[in-house]
């Protein structure tokens, strides 16, 4: 447990940020799952629309440092490859 006032405040801020980040990361993961499910089901239109939403959420997470920027790029690239693979 924190002993100094500044450490107590830092712990309080960290908890608020952790809760906020959980929401954004969770919605990002759900969007990724929706893309993969649409690809698995073979629904091209649904996969494309889900990819647009997932790309937006992943890029935003990368910009806000919820995930590493290269990880966000890699995730978008792999999801796009899945969707393009089913189109052809």
N, C-alpha and C. Protein backbone atom coordinates (compact mmCIF):
# COMPACT_ATOMS: atom_id res chain seq x y z
N UNK A 1 0.84 -1.19 0.00
CA UNK A 1 0.00 0.00 0.00
C UNK A 1 0.87 1.24 0.00
N UNK A 2 0.39 2.28 -0.62
CA UNK A 2 1.15 3.53 -0.74
C UNK A 2 1.21 4.24 0.61
N UNK A 3 2.37 4.82 0.90
CA UNK A 3 2.57 5.48 2.19
C UNK A 3 2.56 7.00 2.09
N UNK A 4 2.88 7.55 0.94
CA UNK A 4 2.93 9.00 0.78
C UNK A 4 1.71 9.48 0.01
N UNK A 5 1.38 10.74 0.23
CA UNK A 5 0.21 11.30 -0.44
C UNK A 5 0.33 11.20 -1.95
N UNK A 6 1.51 11.47 -2.48
CA UNK A 6 1.71 11.42 -3.93
C UNK A 6 1.55 9.99 -4.44
N UNK A 7 2.00 9.02 -3.65
CA UNK A 7 1.87 7.62 -4.06
C UNK A 7 0.41 7.16 -3.99
N UNK A 8 -0.32 7.68 -3.00
CA UNK A 8 -1.74 7.36 -2.89
C UNK A 8 -2.49 7.90 -4.10
N UNK A 9 -2.18 9.15 -4.48
CA UNK A 9 -2.83 9.76 -5.64
C UNK A 9 -2.48 8.98 -6.91
N UNK A 10 -1.22 8.59 -7.05
CA UNK A 10 -0.79 7.84 -8.23
C UNK A 10 -1.54 6.51 -8.31
N UNK A 11 -1.72 5.83 -7.18
CA UNK A 11 -2.45 4.56 -7.17
C UNK A 11 -3.91 4.78 -7.57
N UNK A 12 -4.48 5.89 -7.11
CA UNK A 12 -5.86 6.22 -7.45
C UNK A 12 -5.99 6.49 -8.95
N UNK A 13 -5.06 7.24 -9.51
CA UNK A 13 -5.08 7.53 -10.94
C UNK A 13 -4.88 6.27 -11.77
N UNK A 14 -3.97 5.41 -11.31
CA UNK A 14 -3.72 4.16 -12.04
C UNK A 14 -4.97 3.29 -12.11
N UNK A 15 -5.73 3.26 -11.02
CA UNK A 15 -6.94 2.45 -11.00
C UNK A 15 -7.98 2.99 -11.97
N UNK A 16 -8.13 4.32 -12.03
CA UNK A 16 -9.07 4.93 -12.96
C UNK A 16 -8.67 4.61 -14.39
N UNK A 17 -7.39 4.75 -14.70
CA UNK A 17 -6.90 4.45 -16.05
C UNK A 17 -7.08 2.98 -16.40
N UNK A 18 -6.83 2.11 -15.42
CA UNK A 18 -6.97 0.68 -15.66
C UNK A 18 -8.41 0.34 -16.04
N UNK A 19 -9.37 0.91 -15.32
CA UNK A 19 -10.77 0.66 -15.63
C UNK A 19 -11.14 1.18 -17.02
N UNK A 20 -10.62 2.38 -17.36
CA UNK A 20 -10.91 2.96 -18.68
C UNK A 20 -10.30 2.11 -19.79
N UNK A 21 -9.08 1.65 -19.58
CA UNK A 21 -8.39 0.85 -20.59
C UNK A 21 -9.08 -0.50 -20.78
N UNK A 22 -9.62 -1.07 -19.71
CA UNK A 22 -10.31 -2.35 -19.81
C UNK A 22 -11.48 -2.25 -20.78
N UNK A 23 -12.22 -1.14 -20.72
CA UNK A 23 -13.37 -0.96 -21.61
C UNK A 23 -12.93 -0.93 -23.06
N UNK A 24 -11.90 -0.14 -23.36
CA UNK A 24 -11.45 0.01 -24.74
C UNK A 24 -10.83 -1.29 -25.27
N UNK A 25 -10.03 -1.95 -24.43
CA UNK A 25 -9.43 -3.21 -24.88
C UNK A 25 -10.49 -4.29 -25.09
N UNK A 26 -11.48 -4.31 -24.23
CA UNK A 26 -12.55 -5.30 -24.36
C UNK A 26 -13.35 -5.11 -25.63
N UNK A 27 -13.68 -3.87 -25.94
CA UNK A 27 -14.44 -3.62 -27.17
C UNK A 27 -13.60 -3.93 -28.40
N UNK A 28 -12.29 -3.70 -28.30
CA UNK A 28 -11.39 -4.03 -29.41
C UNK A 28 -11.37 -5.54 -29.64
N UNK A 29 -11.25 -6.30 -28.56
CA UNK A 29 -11.22 -7.76 -28.69
C UNK A 29 -12.53 -8.30 -29.25
N UNK A 30 -13.64 -7.72 -28.82
CA UNK A 30 -14.95 -8.16 -29.32
C UNK A 30 -15.07 -7.90 -30.81
N UNK A 31 -14.58 -6.73 -31.25
CA UNK A 31 -14.63 -6.40 -32.68
C UNK A 31 -13.79 -7.38 -33.50
N UNK A 32 -12.63 -7.76 -32.97
CA UNK A 32 -11.76 -8.72 -33.65
C UNK A 32 -12.47 -10.07 -33.76
N UNK A 33 -13.12 -10.49 -32.68
CA UNK A 33 -13.84 -11.76 -32.69
C UNK A 33 -14.99 -11.74 -33.70
N UNK A 34 -15.65 -10.58 -33.84
CA UNK A 34 -16.74 -10.47 -34.80
C UNK A 34 -16.24 -10.63 -36.24
N UNK A 35 -15.07 -10.07 -36.52
CA UNK A 35 -14.48 -10.22 -37.86
C UNK A 35 -14.16 -11.68 -38.12
N UNK A 36 -13.50 -12.32 -37.17
CA UNK A 36 -13.10 -13.71 -37.36
C UNK A 36 -14.31 -14.64 -37.48
N UNK A 37 -15.37 -14.34 -36.72
CA UNK A 37 -16.59 -15.16 -36.83
C UNK A 37 -17.23 -14.99 -38.20
N UNK A 38 -17.27 -13.76 -38.71
CA UNK A 38 -17.85 -13.52 -40.04
C UNK A 38 -17.03 -14.22 -41.12
N UNK A 39 -15.70 -14.22 -40.98
CA UNK A 39 -14.84 -14.91 -41.93
C UNK A 39 -15.10 -16.41 -41.87
N UNK A 40 -15.22 -16.92 -40.66
CA UNK A 40 -15.46 -18.35 -40.49
C UNK A 40 -16.81 -18.77 -41.08
N UNK A 41 -17.81 -17.90 -40.93
CA UNK A 41 -19.14 -18.20 -41.48
C UNK A 41 -19.21 -17.99 -42.99
N UNK A 42 -18.22 -17.29 -43.56
CA UNK A 42 -18.19 -17.06 -45.00
C UNK A 42 -19.05 -15.88 -45.44
N UNK A 43 -19.41 -15.01 -44.53
CA UNK A 43 -20.23 -13.84 -44.84
C UNK A 43 -19.33 -12.67 -45.20
N UNK A 44 -19.17 -12.41 -46.49
CA UNK A 44 -18.20 -11.41 -46.97
C UNK A 44 -18.61 -10.00 -46.55
N UNK A 45 -19.87 -9.64 -46.76
CA UNK A 45 -20.32 -8.27 -46.44
C UNK A 45 -20.22 -7.98 -44.95
N UNK A 46 -20.63 -8.94 -44.15
CA UNK A 46 -20.54 -8.78 -42.69
C UNK A 46 -19.09 -8.67 -42.25
N UNK A 47 -18.22 -9.45 -42.88
CA UNK A 47 -16.80 -9.42 -42.53
C UNK A 47 -16.18 -8.07 -42.87
N UNK A 48 -16.56 -7.52 -44.03
CA UNK A 48 -16.01 -6.22 -44.43
C UNK A 48 -16.46 -5.11 -43.50
N UNK A 49 -17.73 -5.11 -43.13
CA UNK A 49 -18.21 -4.06 -42.23
C UNK A 49 -17.62 -4.21 -40.83
N UNK A 50 -17.47 -5.47 -40.37
CA UNK A 50 -16.85 -5.70 -39.07
C UNK A 50 -15.37 -5.32 -39.08
N UNK A 51 -14.73 -5.51 -40.23
CA UNK A 51 -13.31 -5.15 -40.36
C UNK A 51 -13.12 -3.65 -40.23
N UNK A 52 -14.02 -2.87 -40.80
CA UNK A 52 -13.91 -1.41 -40.71
C UNK A 52 -13.98 -0.96 -39.25
N UNK A 53 -14.94 -1.51 -38.51
CA UNK A 53 -15.07 -1.16 -37.10
C UNK A 53 -13.85 -1.62 -36.30
N UNK A 54 -13.42 -2.86 -36.54
CA UNK A 54 -12.27 -3.40 -35.80
C UNK A 54 -11.01 -2.60 -36.09
N UNK A 55 -10.81 -2.23 -37.34
CA UNK A 55 -9.63 -1.44 -37.72
C UNK A 55 -9.61 -0.12 -36.97
N UNK A 56 -10.75 0.51 -36.89
CA UNK A 56 -10.86 1.79 -36.18
C UNK A 56 -10.50 1.63 -34.71
N UNK A 57 -11.04 0.61 -34.07
CA UNK A 57 -10.78 0.40 -32.64
C UNK A 57 -9.34 0.00 -32.37
N UNK A 58 -8.76 -0.82 -33.25
CA UNK A 58 -7.37 -1.25 -33.07
C UNK A 58 -6.43 -0.07 -33.25
N UNK A 59 -6.67 0.73 -34.29
CA UNK A 59 -5.82 1.90 -34.53
C UNK A 59 -5.90 2.88 -33.36
N UNK A 60 -7.09 3.08 -32.85
CA UNK A 60 -7.26 3.98 -31.71
C UNK A 60 -6.51 3.47 -30.49
N UNK A 61 -6.57 2.16 -30.26
CA UNK A 61 -5.84 1.57 -29.13
C UNK A 61 -4.33 1.75 -29.31
N UNK A 62 -3.86 1.65 -30.55
CA UNK A 62 -2.44 1.87 -30.81
C UNK A 62 -2.03 3.31 -30.58
N UNK A 63 -2.88 4.24 -31.00
CA UNK A 63 -2.56 5.66 -30.79
C UNK A 63 -2.55 6.03 -29.32
N UNK A 64 -3.41 5.42 -28.53
CA UNK A 64 -3.50 5.74 -27.11
C UNK A 64 -2.57 4.88 -26.26
N UNK A 65 -1.73 4.08 -26.90
CA UNK A 65 -0.76 3.23 -26.21
C UNK A 65 -1.40 2.18 -25.30
N UNK A 66 -2.61 1.74 -25.65
CA UNK A 66 -3.20 0.62 -24.93
C UNK A 66 -2.51 -0.66 -25.38
N UNK A 67 -2.16 -0.70 -26.66
CA UNK A 67 -1.32 -1.76 -27.19
C UNK A 67 -0.20 -1.06 -27.97
N UNK A 68 0.86 -1.77 -28.23
CA UNK A 68 1.99 -1.19 -28.95
C UNK A 68 1.56 -0.85 -30.37
N UNK A 69 2.10 0.23 -30.92
CA UNK A 69 1.68 0.67 -32.25
C UNK A 69 1.98 -0.37 -33.32
N UNK A 70 3.08 -1.10 -33.17
CA UNK A 70 3.38 -2.14 -34.15
C UNK A 70 2.45 -3.33 -33.99
N UNK A 71 2.02 -3.59 -32.78
CA UNK A 71 1.05 -4.66 -32.57
C UNK A 71 -0.28 -4.29 -33.22
N UNK A 72 -0.67 -3.04 -33.11
CA UNK A 72 -1.92 -2.63 -33.74
C UNK A 72 -1.84 -2.77 -35.25
N UNK A 73 -0.70 -2.40 -35.82
CA UNK A 73 -0.50 -2.53 -37.26
C UNK A 73 -0.55 -4.00 -37.69
N UNK A 74 0.07 -4.84 -36.91
CA UNK A 74 0.11 -6.27 -37.23
C UNK A 74 -1.29 -6.88 -37.16
N UNK A 75 -2.07 -6.50 -36.15
CA UNK A 75 -3.42 -7.04 -36.01
C UNK A 75 -4.31 -6.63 -37.18
N UNK A 76 -4.22 -5.37 -37.56
CA UNK A 76 -5.02 -4.88 -38.69
C UNK A 76 -4.62 -5.62 -39.96
N UNK A 77 -3.32 -5.78 -40.16
CA UNK A 77 -2.82 -6.45 -41.36
C UNK A 77 -3.33 -7.89 -41.44
N UNK A 78 -3.29 -8.60 -40.34
CA UNK A 78 -3.71 -10.00 -40.34
C UNK A 78 -5.22 -10.13 -40.55
N UNK A 79 -5.99 -9.24 -39.92
CA UNK A 79 -7.44 -9.29 -40.12
C UNK A 79 -7.80 -8.98 -41.57
N UNK A 80 -7.11 -7.98 -42.14
CA UNK A 80 -7.37 -7.62 -43.54
C UNK A 80 -7.04 -8.80 -44.45
N UNK A 81 -5.95 -9.50 -44.15
CA UNK A 81 -5.57 -10.66 -44.96
C UNK A 81 -6.64 -11.75 -44.88
N UNK A 82 -7.22 -11.95 -43.70
CA UNK A 82 -8.30 -12.93 -43.56
C UNK A 82 -9.49 -12.58 -44.44
N UNK A 83 -9.89 -11.31 -44.40
CA UNK A 83 -11.05 -10.88 -45.16
C UNK A 83 -10.77 -10.94 -46.66
N UNK A 84 -9.59 -10.49 -47.08
CA UNK A 84 -9.24 -10.54 -48.51
C UNK A 84 -9.15 -11.97 -48.99
N UNK A 85 -8.67 -12.87 -48.14
CA UNK A 85 -8.54 -14.28 -48.49
C UNK A 85 -9.87 -14.92 -48.79
N UNK A 86 -10.92 -14.48 -48.12
CA UNK A 86 -12.23 -15.09 -48.35
C UNK A 86 -12.90 -14.50 -49.59
N UNK A 87 -12.50 -13.29 -50.00
CA UNK A 87 -13.09 -12.65 -51.18
C UNK A 87 -12.69 -13.35 -52.46
N UNK A 88 -11.46 -13.83 -52.48
CA UNK A 88 -10.96 -14.44 -53.74
C UNK A 88 -11.24 -15.92 -53.83
